[in-house]
Amino acid sequence: VQLMYICDRLGLFRLVAEACSGLTAAELATRAGCHVRYVETWCQGCVAHSFMETEPRVPDGAAILEDGVRRYWLTAAQREVLADESSRHFQCGAAQLFSASAQA
């Protein structure tokens, strides 16, 4: 829930969804105005929870570009649930509700 909440507040899923060929953590951090280390950690958490993908897959599950940097992207189904606010399957609003309930 917290990964979804952070993403929704910062617009990270939307930024990844807009990128046709995916983004590296540094590219995403630049577009979002966030520190690259935090974005890299967030991306790794999202991949671990199947909220995002990395491609091509290598044995440790990372997508490694030639310079050793990972590229992250969303599938069509992930975009519908995590980035498309007009979709009837959009779930980030639920993450806001659960986060607010936990803080109350």
N, C-alpha and C. Protein backbone atom coordinates (compact mmCIF):
# COMPACT_ATOMS: atom_id res chain seq x y z
N VAL A 1 0.83 -1.19 0.00
CA VAL A 1 0.00 0.00 0.00
C VAL A 1 0.87 1.26 0.00
N GLN A 2 1.93 1.26 0.80
CA GLN A 2 2.78 2.46 0.87
C GLN A 2 3.51 2.74 -0.44
N LEU A 3 3.92 1.68 -1.15
CA LEU A 3 4.55 1.89 -2.45
C LEU A 3 3.58 2.58 -3.41
N MET A 4 2.33 2.15 -3.40
CA MET A 4 1.33 2.76 -4.26
C MET A 4 1.04 4.20 -3.82
N TYR A 5 0.97 4.43 -2.53
CA TYR A 5 0.68 5.77 -2.01
C TYR A 5 1.79 6.75 -2.40
N ILE A 6 3.04 6.35 -2.19
CA ILE A 6 4.17 7.21 -2.56
C ILE A 6 4.15 7.51 -4.05
N CYS A 7 3.90 6.49 -4.84
CA CYS A 7 3.85 6.66 -6.29
C CYS A 7 2.77 7.64 -6.68
N ASP A 8 1.61 7.49 -6.12
CA ASP A 8 0.49 8.35 -6.48
C ASP A 8 0.79 9.80 -6.09
N ARG A 9 1.36 10.01 -4.93
CA ARG A 9 1.68 11.37 -4.48
C ARG A 9 2.75 12.03 -5.37
N LEU A 10 3.71 11.24 -5.83
CA LEU A 10 4.81 11.79 -6.64
C LEU A 10 4.59 11.63 -8.14
N GLY A 11 3.59 10.86 -8.55
CA GLY A 11 3.30 10.66 -9.97
C GLY A 11 4.28 9.73 -10.67
N LEU A 12 4.91 8.84 -9.92
CA LEU A 12 5.96 7.99 -10.50
C LEU A 12 5.41 6.96 -11.48
N PHE A 13 4.31 6.29 -11.15
CA PHE A 13 3.74 5.32 -12.09
C PHE A 13 3.33 6.01 -13.38
N ARG A 14 2.73 7.18 -13.28
CA ARG A 14 2.30 7.93 -14.46
C ARG A 14 3.50 8.27 -15.34
N LEU A 15 4.61 8.69 -14.73
CA LEU A 15 5.81 9.01 -15.50
C LEU A 15 6.38 7.79 -16.20
N VAL A 16 6.40 6.65 -15.50
CA VAL A 16 6.90 5.42 -16.11
C VAL A 16 5.96 4.98 -17.24
N ALA A 17 4.66 5.11 -17.02
CA ALA A 17 3.68 4.71 -18.03
C ALA A 17 3.81 5.55 -19.30
N GLU A 18 4.16 6.83 -19.16
CA GLU A 18 4.29 7.72 -20.31
C GLU A 18 5.52 7.42 -21.17
N ALA A 19 6.50 6.76 -20.58
CA ALA A 19 7.74 6.44 -21.29
C ALA A 19 7.55 5.16 -22.10
N CYS A 20 7.63 5.26 -23.40
CA CYS A 20 7.38 4.09 -24.27
C CYS A 20 8.39 2.97 -24.07
N SER A 21 9.65 3.31 -23.87
CA SER A 21 10.69 2.28 -23.75
C SER A 21 11.17 2.10 -22.32
N GLY A 22 10.41 2.58 -21.34
CA GLY A 22 10.81 2.46 -19.94
C GLY A 22 11.78 3.56 -19.56
N LEU A 23 12.11 3.60 -18.28
CA LEU A 23 13.01 4.62 -17.75
C LEU A 23 14.01 3.99 -16.80
N THR A 24 15.18 4.58 -16.73
CA THR A 24 16.11 4.21 -15.67
C THR A 24 15.70 4.98 -14.42
N ALA A 25 16.21 4.59 -13.28
CA ALA A 25 15.90 5.30 -12.04
C ALA A 25 16.37 6.75 -12.13
N ALA A 26 17.51 6.99 -12.77
CA ALA A 26 18.03 8.36 -12.89
C ALA A 26 17.10 9.20 -13.77
N GLU A 27 16.62 8.63 -14.87
CA GLU A 27 15.69 9.35 -15.74
C GLU A 27 14.39 9.66 -15.01
N LEU A 28 13.88 8.68 -14.28
CA LEU A 28 12.64 8.87 -13.52
C LEU A 28 12.83 9.92 -12.43
N ALA A 29 13.95 9.86 -11.73
CA ALA A 29 14.23 10.83 -10.66
C ALA A 29 14.30 12.25 -11.23
N THR A 30 14.93 12.41 -12.37
CA THR A 30 15.02 13.73 -13.00
C THR A 30 13.64 14.25 -13.36
N ARG A 31 12.81 13.41 -13.97
CA ARG A 31 11.47 13.83 -14.38
C ARG A 31 10.58 14.13 -13.18
N ALA A 32 10.76 13.40 -12.07
CA ALA A 32 9.92 13.58 -10.89
C ALA A 32 10.47 14.62 -9.92
N GLY A 33 11.73 15.01 -10.11
CA GLY A 33 12.34 15.96 -9.18
C GLY A 33 12.67 15.33 -7.84
N CYS A 34 13.05 14.06 -7.87
CA CYS A 34 13.38 13.31 -6.64
C CYS A 34 14.85 12.89 -6.67
N HIS A 35 15.36 12.45 -5.53
CA HIS A 35 16.73 11.96 -5.45
C HIS A 35 16.79 10.56 -6.05
N VAL A 36 17.80 10.31 -6.87
CA VAL A 36 17.90 9.06 -7.62
C VAL A 36 17.98 7.84 -6.70
N ARG A 37 18.63 7.96 -5.56
CA ARG A 37 18.77 6.80 -4.66
C ARG A 37 17.41 6.34 -4.13
N TYR A 38 16.54 7.29 -3.78
CA TYR A 38 15.21 6.93 -3.30
C TYR A 38 14.37 6.32 -4.42
N VAL A 39 14.49 6.86 -5.61
CA VAL A 39 13.72 6.34 -6.75
C VAL A 39 14.20 4.94 -7.10
N GLU A 40 15.50 4.70 -7.06
CA GLU A 40 16.03 3.35 -7.34
C GLU A 40 15.48 2.34 -6.33
N THR A 41 15.46 2.70 -5.07
CA THR A 41 14.93 1.81 -4.03
C THR A 41 13.44 1.56 -4.26
N TRP A 42 12.69 2.61 -4.61
CA TRP A 42 11.27 2.48 -4.87
C TRP A 42 11.05 1.55 -6.07
N CYS A 43 11.82 1.73 -7.14
CA CYS A 43 11.69 0.88 -8.33
C CYS A 43 11.96 -0.58 -8.00
N GLN A 44 12.99 -0.83 -7.23
CA GLN A 44 13.31 -2.21 -6.86
C GLN A 44 12.18 -2.83 -6.04
N GLY A 45 11.59 -2.06 -5.14
CA GLY A 45 10.46 -2.54 -4.36
C GLY A 45 9.26 -2.85 -5.24
N CYS A 46 9.02 -1.99 -6.22
CA CYS A 46 7.90 -2.21 -7.14
C CYS A 46 8.10 -3.47 -7.98
N VAL A 47 9.32 -3.71 -8.42
CA VAL A 47 9.60 -4.94 -9.18
C VAL A 47 9.41 -6.16 -8.28
N ALA A 48 9.86 -6.07 -7.05
CA ALA A 48 9.71 -7.19 -6.11
C ALA A 48 8.25 -7.52 -5.85
N HIS A 49 7.37 -6.51 -5.89
CA HIS A 49 5.94 -6.72 -5.65
C HIS A 49 5.13 -6.81 -6.94
N SER A 50 5.81 -6.93 -8.08
CA SER A 50 5.19 -7.05 -9.40
C SER A 50 4.35 -5.84 -9.79
N PHE A 51 4.70 -4.65 -9.27
CA PHE A 51 4.05 -3.41 -9.69
C PHE A 51 4.71 -2.86 -10.95
N MET A 52 5.96 -3.25 -11.23
CA MET A 52 6.69 -2.81 -12.42
C MET A 52 7.51 -3.98 -12.93
N GLU A 53 8.03 -3.81 -14.13
CA GLU A 53 8.83 -4.85 -14.77
C GLU A 53 10.22 -4.32 -15.11
N THR A 54 11.13 -5.25 -15.30
CA THR A 54 12.44 -4.95 -15.84
C THR A 54 12.66 -5.89 -17.02
N GLU A 55 13.36 -5.44 -18.03
CA GLU A 55 13.53 -6.24 -19.24
C GLU A 55 14.83 -5.88 -19.92
N PRO A 56 15.61 -6.75 -20.44
CA PRO A 56 15.41 -8.20 -20.38
C PRO A 56 15.80 -8.75 -19.02
N ARG A 57 15.24 -9.87 -18.70
CA ARG A 57 15.53 -10.48 -17.39
C ARG A 57 16.89 -11.16 -17.41
N VAL A 58 17.58 -11.03 -16.30
CA VAL A 58 18.84 -11.72 -16.08
C VAL A 58 18.66 -12.54 -14.81
N PRO A 59 19.59 -13.44 -14.48
CA PRO A 59 19.38 -14.37 -13.36
C PRO A 59 18.93 -13.74 -12.04
N ASP A 60 19.41 -12.55 -11.69
CA ASP A 60 19.01 -11.97 -10.41
C ASP A 60 17.72 -11.17 -10.52
N GLY A 61 17.06 -11.19 -11.68
CA GLY A 61 15.79 -10.51 -11.86
C GLY A 61 15.92 -9.06 -12.29
N ALA A 62 17.12 -8.57 -12.49
CA ALA A 62 17.32 -7.17 -12.87
C ALA A 62 17.36 -7.04 -14.39
N ALA A 63 17.03 -5.88 -14.87
CA ALA A 63 17.20 -5.58 -16.29
C ALA A 63 18.43 -4.71 -16.38
N ILE A 64 19.48 -5.22 -16.98
CA ILE A 64 20.74 -4.50 -17.03
C ILE A 64 20.99 -3.98 -18.44
N LEU A 65 21.19 -2.70 -18.56
CA LEU A 65 21.59 -2.12 -19.83
C LEU A 65 23.09 -2.29 -19.97
N GLU A 66 23.63 -1.95 -21.11
CA GLU A 66 25.06 -2.15 -21.34
C GLU A 66 25.93 -1.41 -20.34
N ASP A 67 25.45 -0.27 -19.83
CA ASP A 67 26.23 0.49 -18.87
C ASP A 67 25.98 0.05 -17.43
N GLY A 68 25.24 -1.05 -17.24
CA GLY A 68 24.98 -1.59 -15.91
C GLY A 68 23.80 -0.96 -15.20
N VAL A 69 22.97 -0.20 -15.91
CA VAL A 69 21.83 0.48 -15.32
C VAL A 69 20.55 -0.27 -15.66
N ARG A 70 19.65 -0.36 -14.70
CA ARG A 70 18.37 -1.04 -14.91
C ARG A 70 17.36 -0.11 -15.57
N ARG A 71 16.49 -0.67 -16.39
CA ARG A 71 15.40 0.08 -17.02
C ARG A 71 14.08 -0.52 -16.52
N TYR A 72 13.16 0.33 -16.13
CA TYR A 72 11.88 -0.09 -15.55
C TYR A 72 10.73 0.33 -16.45
N TRP A 73 9.66 -0.49 -16.50
CA TRP A 73 8.50 -0.18 -17.33
C TRP A 73 7.26 -0.86 -16.76
N LEU A 74 6.08 -0.47 -17.27
CA LEU A 74 4.81 -1.05 -16.85
C LEU A 74 4.18 -1.81 -18.02
N THR A 75 3.56 -2.95 -17.71
CA THR A 75 2.78 -3.66 -18.72
C THR A 75 1.46 -2.91 -18.91
N ALA A 76 0.71 -3.29 -19.92
CA ALA A 76 -0.60 -2.66 -20.16
C ALA A 76 -1.52 -2.85 -18.95
N ALA A 77 -1.52 -4.02 -18.36
CA ALA A 77 -2.37 -4.28 -17.19
C ALA A 77 -1.92 -3.45 -15.99
N GLN A 78 -0.61 -3.34 -15.77
CA GLN A 78 -0.10 -2.52 -14.68
C GLN A 78 -0.45 -1.05 -14.89
N ARG A 79 -0.35 -0.57 -16.13
CA ARG A 79 -0.72 0.82 -16.42
C ARG A 79 -2.18 1.07 -16.09
N GLU A 80 -3.04 0.12 -16.45
CA GLU A 80 -4.48 0.28 -16.21
C GLU A 80 -4.79 0.37 -14.71
N VAL A 81 -4.12 -0.43 -13.91
CA VAL A 81 -4.40 -0.47 -12.48
C VAL A 81 -3.66 0.63 -11.71
N LEU A 82 -2.45 0.99 -12.15
CA LEU A 82 -1.60 1.88 -11.35
C LEU A 82 -1.41 3.29 -11.91
N ALA A 83 -1.69 3.50 -13.19
CA ALA A 83 -1.38 4.81 -13.77
C ALA A 83 -2.55 5.49 -14.46
N ASP A 84 -3.57 4.75 -14.86
CA ASP A 84 -4.67 5.32 -15.62
C ASP A 84 -5.84 5.65 -14.69
N GLU A 85 -5.92 6.92 -14.25
CA GLU A 85 -6.97 7.31 -13.31
C GLU A 85 -8.37 7.20 -13.90
N SER A 86 -8.50 7.16 -15.22
CA SER A 86 -9.82 7.02 -15.84
C SER A 86 -10.28 5.57 -15.92
N SER A 87 -9.39 4.63 -15.61
CA SER A 87 -9.73 3.21 -15.68
C SER A 87 -10.60 2.79 -14.49
N ARG A 88 -11.55 1.92 -14.74
CA ARG A 88 -12.37 1.41 -13.64
C ARG A 88 -11.58 0.47 -12.74
N HIS A 89 -10.37 0.09 -13.16
CA HIS A 89 -9.52 -0.80 -12.38
C HIS A 89 -8.44 -0.06 -11.60
N PHE A 90 -8.40 1.26 -11.69
CA PHE A 90 -7.38 2.07 -11.01
C PHE A 90 -7.46 1.85 -9.50
N GLN A 91 -6.30 1.57 -8.86
CA GLN A 91 -6.28 1.20 -7.45
C GLN A 91 -5.53 2.16 -6.53
N CYS A 92 -4.88 3.17 -7.06
CA CYS A 92 -4.09 4.06 -6.19
C CYS A 92 -4.95 4.84 -5.23
N GLY A 93 -6.20 5.09 -5.57
CA GLY A 93 -7.12 5.76 -4.65
C GLY A 93 -7.33 4.92 -3.39
N ALA A 94 -7.37 3.61 -3.55
CA ALA A 94 -7.51 2.73 -2.39
C ALA A 94 -6.29 2.83 -1.48
N ALA A 95 -5.11 3.00 -2.07
CA ALA A 95 -3.89 3.15 -1.28
C ALA A 95 -3.95 4.43 -0.44
N GLN A 96 -4.51 5.50 -1.01
CA GLN A 96 -4.69 6.74 -0.26
C GLN A 96 -5.63 6.51 0.92
N LEU A 97 -6.73 5.81 0.68
CA LEU A 97 -7.70 5.54 1.73
C LEU A 97 -7.08 4.72 2.86
N PHE A 98 -6.36 3.66 2.52
CA PHE A 98 -5.73 2.82 3.54
C PHE A 98 -4.66 3.58 4.31
N SER A 99 -3.90 4.42 3.64
CA SER A 99 -2.87 5.21 4.32
C SER A 99 -3.50 6.20 5.27
N ALA A 100 -4.57 6.84 4.85
CA ALA A 100 -5.26 7.81 5.72
C ALA A 100 -5.87 7.11 6.93
N SER A 101 -6.42 5.91 6.72
CA SER A 101 -7.01 5.16 7.82
C SER A 101 -5.96 4.76 8.84
N ALA A 102 -4.78 4.40 8.38
CA ALA A 102 -3.71 3.99 9.28
C ALA A 102 -3.18 5.16 10.09
N GLN A 103 -3.24 6.37 9.54
CA GLN A 103 -2.74 7.55 10.24
C GLN A 103 -3.74 8.09 11.25
N ALA A 104 -5.01 7.74 11.09
CA ALA A 104 -6.07 8.28 11.98
C ALA A 104 -6.06 7.65 13.33
